[in-house]
Protein backbone atom coordinates (compact mmCIF):
# COMPACT_ATOMS: atom_id res chain seq x y z
CA MET A 1 -5.35 3.19 24.81
CA ASN A 2 -2.56 0.20 25.87
CA ASP A 3 -2.63 -0.99 22.34
CA ILE A 4 -2.39 1.55 19.63
CA PRO A 5 -2.72 0.21 16.36
CA SER A 6 -0.50 1.47 13.47
CA TRP A 7 -2.01 4.57 11.75
CA SER A 8 -1.09 6.88 8.92
CA MET A 9 -2.61 9.93 7.19
CA LYS A 10 -2.02 11.62 3.72
CA GLY A 11 -3.70 14.76 2.47
CA GLU A 12 -3.78 18.64 3.23
CA LEU A 13 -4.08 20.86 6.18
CA ALA A 14 -5.34 24.41 6.28
CA LEU A 15 -4.81 26.78 9.27
CA ASN A 16 -5.82 30.30 9.80
CA CYS A 17 -4.63 32.20 13.01
CA SER A 18 -4.84 35.40 14.79
CA CYS A 19 -1.49 36.45 13.90
CA ASP A 20 -0.33 39.09 11.35
CA LEU A 21 0.99 37.82 8.11
CA PHE A 22 3.16 35.45 8.67
CA CYS A 23 2.83 33.38 11.86
CA PRO A 24 6.17 33.14 13.70
CA CYS A 25 5.59 29.73 15.15
CA VAL A 26 6.44 27.91 11.94
CA VAL A 27 10.07 29.00 11.63
CA SER A 28 10.46 29.19 15.71
CA LEU A 29 8.77 25.98 16.11
CA GLY A 30 6.76 27.58 18.91
CA ALA A 31 9.52 29.32 20.48
CA ALA A 32 8.78 33.05 19.32
CA PRO A 33 5.69 34.83 20.66
CA PRO A 34 2.68 35.04 18.50
CA THR A 35 2.14 38.48 17.10
CA GLN A 36 -0.67 39.19 19.43
CA GLY A 37 0.79 37.73 21.96
CA TYR A 38 -1.53 34.87 21.85
CA CYS A 39 -2.71 32.54 19.42
CA GLN A 40 -6.23 31.52 18.39
CA THR A 41 -6.74 29.46 15.44
CA TRP A 42 -8.70 26.99 13.61
CA LEU A 43 -7.68 24.11 11.52
CA ALA A 44 -8.74 21.64 9.10
CA VAL A 45 -7.52 18.30 7.31
CA ARG A 46 -8.61 16.75 4.37
CA ILE A 47 -7.71 13.01 4.40
CA ASP A 48 -6.73 11.90 1.15
CA GLU A 49 -5.60 8.48 2.26
CA GLY A 50 -5.74 7.15 5.82
CA HIS A 51 -6.15 4.10 8.30
CA PHE A 52 -6.22 3.47 11.88
CA GLY A 53 -5.33 -0.14 12.21
CA GLU A 54 -7.89 -1.98 9.93
CA ALA A 55 -10.42 1.30 10.02
CA PRO A 56 -10.11 3.26 6.93
CA LEU A 57 -9.80 7.06 6.97
CA SER A 58 -9.75 8.40 3.55
CA GLY A 59 -12.13 10.75 2.25
CA LEU A 60 -12.73 12.20 5.98
CA ASN A 61 -12.50 15.56 7.04
CA VAL A 62 -11.63 17.18 10.29
CA ALA A 63 -11.51 20.54 11.92
CA MET A 64 -10.16 21.98 15.41
CA LEU A 65 -10.44 25.21 17.29
CA ILE A 66 -7.24 25.82 19.51
CA ASP A 67 -6.82 28.60 21.98
CA ILE A 68 -3.19 29.17 23.00
CA PRO A 69 -2.59 31.86 25.55
CA GLY A 70 0.89 32.73 24.72
CA ARG A 71 4.02 30.85 23.04
CA MET A 72 3.04 27.62 21.26
CA GLY A 73 5.67 25.63 23.07
CA GLU A 74 4.64 26.55 26.61
CA GLY A 75 1.49 24.50 26.38
CA ASN A 76 -1.81 24.95 28.14
CA TRP A 77 -4.03 24.94 24.76
CA THR A 78 -7.55 24.58 25.06
CA ALA A 79 -8.77 22.54 22.06
CA ALA A 80 -12.04 21.13 20.34
CA GLY A 81 -12.60 18.63 17.75
CA TYR A 82 -15.13 18.38 14.82
CA PHE A 83 -15.01 15.33 13.09
CA ASP A 84 -16.98 14.07 9.75
CA GLU A 85 -20.30 13.20 10.59
CA ARG A 86 -19.92 10.63 7.57
CA ALA A 87 -17.56 8.88 10.00
CA THR A 88 -18.49 5.70 11.66
CA SER A 89 -18.35 5.00 15.35
CA GLU A 90 -14.92 3.11 14.97
CA GLN A 91 -13.54 5.99 12.56
CA PHE A 92 -15.12 8.64 14.94
CA ALA A 93 -12.77 6.99 18.06
CA ALA A 94 -9.80 6.61 15.55
CA LEU A 95 -9.91 10.43 14.62
CA GLU A 96 -10.45 11.37 18.24
CA ALA A 97 -7.41 9.24 19.10
CA ILE A 98 -5.39 10.87 16.58
CA PHE A 99 -6.31 14.47 16.96
CA THR A 100 -6.24 14.54 20.84
CA GLY A 101 -2.57 12.78 20.67
CA ARG A 102 -3.43 9.64 22.14
CA ALA A 103 -2.48 7.66 19.40
CA ARG A 104 1.03 9.39 19.74
CA GLY A 105 3.32 9.80 16.49
CA THR A 106 2.99 12.97 14.34
CA THR A 107 0.19 14.49 16.19
CA GLY A 108 1.38 13.27 19.69
CA LEU A 109 2.36 16.81 20.83
CA PHE A 110 -1.32 17.32 21.09
CA ARG A 111 -1.35 15.19 24.29
CA LEU A 112 1.50 17.17 25.84
CA LEU A 113 0.22 20.64 24.94
CA VAL A 114 -3.22 20.60 25.30
CA GLY A 115 -4.37 21.30 28.71
CA THR A 116 -8.34 21.46 28.30
CA TYR A 117 -9.82 19.55 25.85
CA LEU A 118 -13.51 20.78 25.25
CA GLY A 119 -14.61 17.78 23.71
CA SER A 120 -15.27 15.99 20.51
CA ARG A 121 -18.63 16.52 18.21
CA ARG A 122 -19.70 15.24 14.87
CA GLU A 123 -20.44 17.96 12.29
CA PRO A 124 -20.37 18.34 8.61
CA VAL A 125 -17.11 19.43 7.67
CA GLU A 126 -16.60 20.80 4.28
CA TYR A 127 -12.89 21.17 2.84
CA ILE A 128 -13.22 22.70 -0.44
CA THR A 129 -10.83 23.46 -3.18
CA ASP A 130 -11.67 26.19 -5.47
CA GLY A 131 -8.62 26.98 -7.70
CA LYS A 132 -6.11 28.17 -5.29
CA ALA A 133 -8.40 29.02 -2.28
CA ARG A 134 -9.53 26.57 0.19
CA ARG A 135 -12.99 27.04 1.72
CA VAL A 136 -13.84 25.47 5.32
CA VAL A 137 -17.19 25.26 6.71
CA VAL A 138 -18.39 23.87 9.79
CA PRO A 139 -21.89 25.26 9.86
CA LYS A 140 -22.12 27.79 12.41
CA ILE A 141 -18.96 27.18 14.05
CA ILE A 142 -16.24 28.01 11.21
CA THR A 143 -16.83 29.80 8.04
CA ALA A 144 -13.78 30.63 6.63
CA GLU A 145 -11.56 31.06 2.94
CA VAL A 146 -7.94 30.94 2.70
CA ALA A 147 -5.44 31.19 -0.32
CA PRO A 148 -1.73 31.26 -1.01
CA ILE A 149 -0.20 34.90 -1.04
CA ASP A 150 1.31 35.98 -4.53
CA GLY A 151 4.90 35.65 -5.11
CA ALA A 152 7.10 37.03 -7.77
CA ARG A 153 6.60 34.01 -10.07
CA PRO A 154 2.82 33.85 -10.54
CA ASP A 155 2.80 29.90 -11.01
CA GLU A 156 4.45 29.10 -7.94
CA HIS A 157 3.56 29.32 -4.21
CA VAL A 158 5.65 31.36 -1.62
CA VAL A 159 7.05 28.26 0.51
CA ILE A 160 8.63 28.07 3.83
CA SER A 161 10.97 24.94 2.92
CA ASN A 162 12.68 22.38 4.94
CA THR A 163 10.86 23.36 8.34
CA GLN A 164 11.15 20.93 11.28
CA TYR A 165 7.55 22.31 11.74
CA TRP A 166 5.32 19.41 13.11
CA MET A 167 2.69 19.88 10.19
CA GLY A 168 5.06 19.04 7.59
CA PRO A 169 8.43 20.25 6.19
CA GLU A 170 7.08 22.41 3.43
CA VAL A 171 4.56 25.20 4.37
CA ILE A 172 2.69 27.39 2.14
CA VAL A 173 2.15 31.03 3.23
CA ALA A 174 -1.42 31.77 2.83
CA GLN A 175 -3.61 34.53 4.05
CA ALA A 176 -7.44 34.44 4.96
CA GLY A 177 -10.08 36.33 2.86
CA LYS A 178 -13.22 35.83 5.32
CA ALA A 179 -12.79 33.95 8.22
CA LYS A 180 -15.11 33.35 11.47
CA VAL A 181 -15.12 31.37 14.37
CA ARG A 182 -17.92 30.81 16.96
CA ASP A 183 -18.08 28.33 19.58
CA PHE A 184 -17.39 27.58 23.28
CA GLY A 185 -17.86 31.22 23.92
CA ARG A 186 -15.51 32.47 21.40
CA VAL A 187 -16.25 34.86 18.67
CA TRP A 188 -12.97 35.31 16.35
CA ASN A 189 -12.66 37.39 13.22
CA PHE A 190 -9.41 36.52 11.46
CA ASP A 191 -10.23 38.34 8.25
CA ASN A 192 -6.94 39.06 6.33
CA LYS A 193 -4.84 37.05 9.28
CA SER A 194 -2.06 34.60 8.58
CA ALA A 195 -2.79 31.30 7.07
CA GLU A 196 -0.87 28.22 6.11
CA LEU A 197 -1.70 25.14 3.68
CA CYS A 198 0.62 22.18 3.97
CA GLU A 199 0.46 18.54 2.52
CA ILE A 200 0.60 16.08 5.47
CA ASP A 201 2.08 12.90 5.60
CA TRP A 202 1.69 11.66 9.34
CA SER A 203 1.52 8.40 11.06
CA GLY A 204 1.99 6.72 14.06
CA PRO A 205 2.55 5.57 16.75
């Protein structure tokens, strides 16, 4: 893409990984090793407002599978994208450009860190808010529920604030209940593992 249009995206991201609670990547910016020595993860994004040039993205959902062999910042990631089956061809191409990093901007790091991209598929990606919990379902691929952990003040989330993390500066500490991922020869169980919720405000190029 030689002429990348202006794009932006606001909404919420949910992420769950193989780390024990809590994933060290957020505060170390990927310099610290994951708690298991590697990071296997899924993420999902609910787009509340968004566009890619003239193409509207509001109301669409995205999920990804990411397999990181060591420290996050060392790269050599393997990734796959699952893009909302409701997307038009133009919207699908826009989402793929953003989530592979080709559209630069906030998600440009994917272009630098992903060594193997397994491909993009249309899927019915569900991102459901149920009280404090978030449920993400990509049929036969991702079935997961994450929720914020309890803090001393019951009406307030436990938050890592003012970070330089790529997702956003305020990250809610969460934990998975049941969480399963199955695709590309990977069968992952992330029950009770670390999770994150984050309001996103991304843009590019």
